[in-house]
C-alpha atoms as a PDB file:
ATOM      1  CA  MET A   1      43.844  -6.342   6.765  1.00  0.00           C
ATOM      2  CA  ASN A   2      41.737  -8.090   4.148  1.00  0.00           C
ATOM      3  CA  VAL A   3      41.063  -6.519   0.767  1.00  0.00           C
ATOM      4  CA  THR A   4      38.254  -7.985  -1.306  1.00  0.00           C
ATOM      5  CA  ILE A   5      37.872  -6.674  -4.830  1.00  0.00           C
ATOM      6  CA  HIS A   6      34.295  -6.563  -6.102  1.00  0.00           C
ATOM      7  CA  GLU A   7      33.659  -6.013  -9.817  1.00  0.00           C
ATOM      8  CA  ILE A   8      30.217  -4.632 -10.621  1.00  0.00           C
ATOM      9  CA  ASN A   9      29.243  -3.035 -13.946  1.00  0.00           C
ATOM     10  CA  ASP A  10      32.915  -2.919 -14.990  1.00  0.00           C
ATOM     11  CA  THR A  11      33.708  -1.031 -11.777  1.00  0.00           C
ATOM     12  CA  LYS A  12      36.296  -2.256  -9.283  1.00  0.00           C
ATOM     13  CA  ILE A  13      35.468  -1.635  -5.643  1.00  0.00           C
ATOM     14  CA  ALA A  14      37.799  -2.535  -2.783  1.00  0.00           C
ATOM     15  CA  GLU A  15      36.221  -3.725   0.445  1.00  0.00           C
ATOM     16  CA  ILE A  16      38.619  -3.319   3.366  1.00  0.00           C
ATOM     17  CA  SER A  17      38.002  -5.327   6.528  1.00  0.00           C
ATOM     18  CA  SER A  18      39.753  -6.552   9.616  1.00  0.00           C
ATOM     19  CA  ASP A  19      39.040  -7.681  13.150  1.00  0.00           C
ATOM     20  CA  ALA A  20      41.006  -4.672  14.407  1.00  0.00           C
ATOM     21  CA  VAL A  21      40.941  -0.902  14.051  1.00  0.00           C
ATOM     22  CA  LEU A  22      42.826  -0.025  10.878  1.00  0.00           C
ATOM     23  CA  ILE A  23      42.435   3.744  10.880  1.00  0.00           C
ATOM     24  CA  SER A  24      43.228   5.657  14.038  1.00  0.00           C
ATOM     25  CA  SER A  25      44.922   8.633  12.355  1.00  0.00           C
ATOM     26  CA  PRO A  26      44.818  10.535   9.071  1.00  0.00           C
ATOM     27  CA  GLU A  27      48.130   8.928   8.127  1.00  0.00           C
ATOM     28  CA  GLU A  28      46.698   5.412   8.478  1.00  0.00           C
ATOM     29  CA  GLY A  29      43.716   6.453   6.374  1.00  0.00           C
ATOM     30  CA  LEU A  30      46.082   7.734   3.707  1.00  0.00           C
ATOM     31  CA  GLU A  31      48.110   4.490   3.766  1.00  0.00           C
ATOM     32  CA  ILE A  32      45.004   2.424   3.034  1.00  0.00           C
ATOM     33  CA  LEU A  33      43.829   4.871   0.385  1.00  0.00           C
ATOM     34  CA  VAL A  34      47.194   4.831  -1.400  1.00  0.00           C
ATOM     35  CA  GLU A  35      47.499   1.038  -1.246  1.00  0.00           C
ATOM     36  CA  VAL A  36      44.150   0.674  -3.030  1.00  0.00           C
ATOM     37  CA  TYR A  37      44.632   3.687  -5.309  1.00  0.00           C
ATOM     38  CA  TYR A  38      47.820   2.230  -6.777  1.00  0.00           C
ATOM     39  CA  GLN A  39      45.886  -0.898  -7.689  1.00  0.00           C
ATOM     40  CA  ASP A  40      43.872   1.405  -9.973  1.00  0.00           C
ATOM     41  CA  ILE A  41      40.811   1.360  -7.703  1.00  0.00           C
ATOM     42  CA  ASP A  42      39.097   4.594  -6.719  1.00  0.00           C
ATOM     43  CA  LYS A  43      36.120   3.224  -4.771  1.00  0.00           C
ATOM     44  CA  ILE A  44      36.409   1.819  -1.255  1.00  0.00           C
ATOM     45  CA  VAL A  45      34.055   0.194   1.235  1.00  0.00           C
ATOM     46  CA  LEU A  46      35.335   0.443   4.790  1.00  0.00           C
ATOM     47  CA  HIS A  47      33.704  -1.041   7.867  1.00  0.00           C
ATOM     48  CA  LYS A  48      32.852   1.225  10.809  1.00  0.00           C
ATOM     49  CA  ARG A  49      34.517  -1.209  13.219  1.00  0.00           C
ATOM     50  CA  ASN A  50      37.837  -0.581  11.457  1.00  0.00           C
ATOM     51  CA  ILE A  51      37.821   3.153  12.201  1.00  0.00           C
ATOM     52  CA  ILE A  52      38.673   4.672  15.571  1.00  0.00           C
ATOM     53  CA  SER A  53      35.516   5.741  17.422  1.00  0.00           C
ATOM     54  CA  ASP A  54      36.826   9.339  17.719  1.00  0.00           C
ATOM     55  CA  PHE A  55      36.205   9.612  13.953  1.00  0.00           C
ATOM     56  CA  PHE A  56      32.484   9.845  14.738  1.00  0.00           C
ATOM     57  CA  ASP A  57      32.995  12.645  17.281  1.00  0.00           C
ATOM     58  CA  LEU A  58      33.269  15.573  14.893  1.00  0.00           C
ATOM     59  CA  LYS A  59      34.828  17.804  17.564  1.00  0.00           C
ATOM     60  CA  THR A  60      38.055  15.779  17.311  1.00  0.00           C
ATOM     61  CA  GLY A  61      38.567  16.789  13.676  1.00  0.00           C
ATOM     62  CA  ILE A  62      39.762  13.303  12.754  1.00  0.00           C
ATOM     63  CA  ALA A  63      36.886  12.696  10.316  1.00  0.00           C
ATOM     64  CA  GLY A  64      37.612  15.929   8.464  1.00  0.00           C
ATOM     65  CA  GLU A  65      41.306  15.162   8.150  1.00  0.00           C
ATOM     66  CA  ILE A  66      40.783  11.602   6.946  1.00  0.00           C
ATOM     67  CA  LEU A  67      37.968  12.419   4.543  1.00  0.00           C
ATOM     68  CA  GLN A  68      39.953  15.312   3.065  1.00  0.00           C
ATOM     69  CA  LYS A  69      42.570  12.774   1.942  1.00  0.00           C
ATOM     70  CA  PHE A  70      39.909  10.769   0.102  1.00  0.00           C
ATOM     71  CA  SER A  71      38.569  13.931  -1.477  1.00  0.00           C
ATOM     72  CA  ASN A  72      42.039  15.075  -2.578  1.00  0.00           C
ATOM     73  CA  TYR A  73      42.654  11.744  -4.346  1.00  0.00           C
ATOM     74  CA  LYS A  74      39.070  11.678  -5.699  1.00  0.00           C
ATOM     75  CA  VAL A  75      38.508   8.273  -4.111  1.00  0.00           C
ATOM     76  CA  ARG A  76      34.890   7.528  -3.250  1.00  0.00           C
ATOM     77  CA  LEU A  77      34.286   5.982   0.153  1.00  0.00           C
ATOM     78  CA  VAL A  78      31.347   4.261   1.778  1.00  0.00           C
ATOM     79  CA  ILE A  79      31.582   3.478   5.481  1.00  0.00           C
ATOM     80  CA  VAL A  80      29.403   0.513   6.425  1.00  0.00           C
ATOM     81  CA  GLY A  81      27.978  -0.294   9.830  1.00  0.00           C
ATOM     82  CA  ASP A  82      25.340   0.251  12.459  1.00  0.00           C
ATOM     83  CA  PHE A  83      25.290   3.974  13.170  1.00  0.00           C
ATOM     84  CA  SER A  84      22.216   3.947  15.398  1.00  0.00           C
ATOM     85  CA  GLY A  85      24.242   4.238  18.615  1.00  0.00           C
ATOM     86  CA  LEU A  86      26.069   7.409  17.616  1.00  0.00           C
ATOM     87  CA  GLU A  87      25.342  10.368  19.853  1.00  0.00           C
ATOM     88  CA  GLY A  88      24.701  13.908  18.740  1.00  0.00           C
ATOM     89  CA  THR A  89      22.876  15.721  16.032  1.00  0.00           C
ATOM     90  CA  SER A  90      26.049  16.994  14.376  1.00  0.00           C
ATOM     91  CA  ILE A  91      27.212  13.503  13.310  1.00  0.00           C
ATOM     92  CA  SER A  92      23.684  12.651  12.137  1.00  0.00           C
ATOM     93  CA  ALA A  93      23.523  15.857  10.097  1.00  0.00           C
ATOM     94  CA  PHE A  94      27.024  15.218   8.719  1.00  0.00           C
ATOM     95  CA  MET A  95      26.110  11.684   7.641  1.00  0.00           C
ATOM     96  CA  SER A  96      22.853  12.857   6.068  1.00  0.00           C
ATOM     97  CA  GLU A  97      24.629  15.621   4.143  1.00  0.00           C
ATOM     98  CA  SER A  98      27.367  13.206   3.038  1.00  0.00           C
ATOM     99  CA  ASN A  99      24.769  10.749   1.756  1.00  0.00           C
ATOM    100  CA  SER A 100      23.260  13.451  -0.443  1.00  0.00           C
ATOM    101  CA  GLN A 101      26.622  13.707  -2.248  1.00  0.00           C
ATOM    102  CA  LYS A 102      28.794  11.048  -3.929  1.00  0.00           C
ATOM    103  CA  GLN A 103      32.250  11.428  -2.364  1.00  0.00           C
ATOM    104  CA  VAL A 104      31.666   9.930   1.101  1.00  0.00           C
ATOM    105  CA  ASN A 105      28.614   7.934   2.101  1.00  0.00           C
ATOM    106  CA  PHE A 106      27.418   5.898   5.055  1.00  0.00           C
ATOM    107  CA  SER A 107      25.376   2.733   4.673  1.00  0.00           C
ATOM    108  CA  LYS A 108      24.066  -0.129   6.771  1.00  0.00           C
ATOM    109  CA  THR A 109      25.149  -2.993   4.507  1.00  0.00           C
ATOM    110  CA  VAL A 110      27.979  -3.881   2.166  1.00  0.00           C
ATOM    111  CA  GLU A 111      25.420  -4.690  -0.531  1.00  0.00           C
ATOM    112  CA  GLU A 112      23.967  -1.184  -0.286  1.00  0.00           C
ATOM    113  CA  ALA A 113      27.473   0.301  -0.390  1.00  0.00           C
ATOM    114  CA  LEU A 114      28.424  -1.697  -3.472  1.00  0.00           C
ATOM    115  CA  GLN A 115      25.231  -0.623  -5.220  1.00  0.00           C
ATOM    116  CA  ARG A 116      25.936   3.028  -4.435  1.00  0.00           C
ATOM    117  CA  LEU A 117      29.533   2.836  -5.666  1.00  0.00           C
ATOM    118  CA  SER A 118      28.715   0.916  -8.837  1.00  0.00           C
ATOM    119  CA  ASN A 119      26.490   3.718 -10.165  1.00  0.00           C
END
C-alpha cells in the first residue's frame, strides 16, 4: 500500500493506492482509515481498483458498512475511478446523492478529488 500525502491550502489529504485490492471488508476499510487518521489526516482519496467490486453492488451491504466507518470518524473520502461500467440505477443514484454531500464523493480523477477535498 502506498500513501501519498498531498498538501493543498493548508489541508493534508492522503491518497491511498496499490496494485491490489486493499479493502474487501469493513474491517480492512477501518484499518486504512485508522492508519491515516492517526497521522492527523481526515481526508482520503482511494482508488476504485483498490476496493472489492462487491462494494459497488449495494445489495451486498458492504458499501454501507465501510462508509459508516468513515462517517463515524468524520473522515471525508473520495473514491476515484472509471464508474461508467457499473450496472444498475441504484449505484448511480447512490453516487449522485453522495456527490451532492461532502462526506463521501466519487470522481473520475485524482486532481478532481483533491480539489473537492481541499475546499
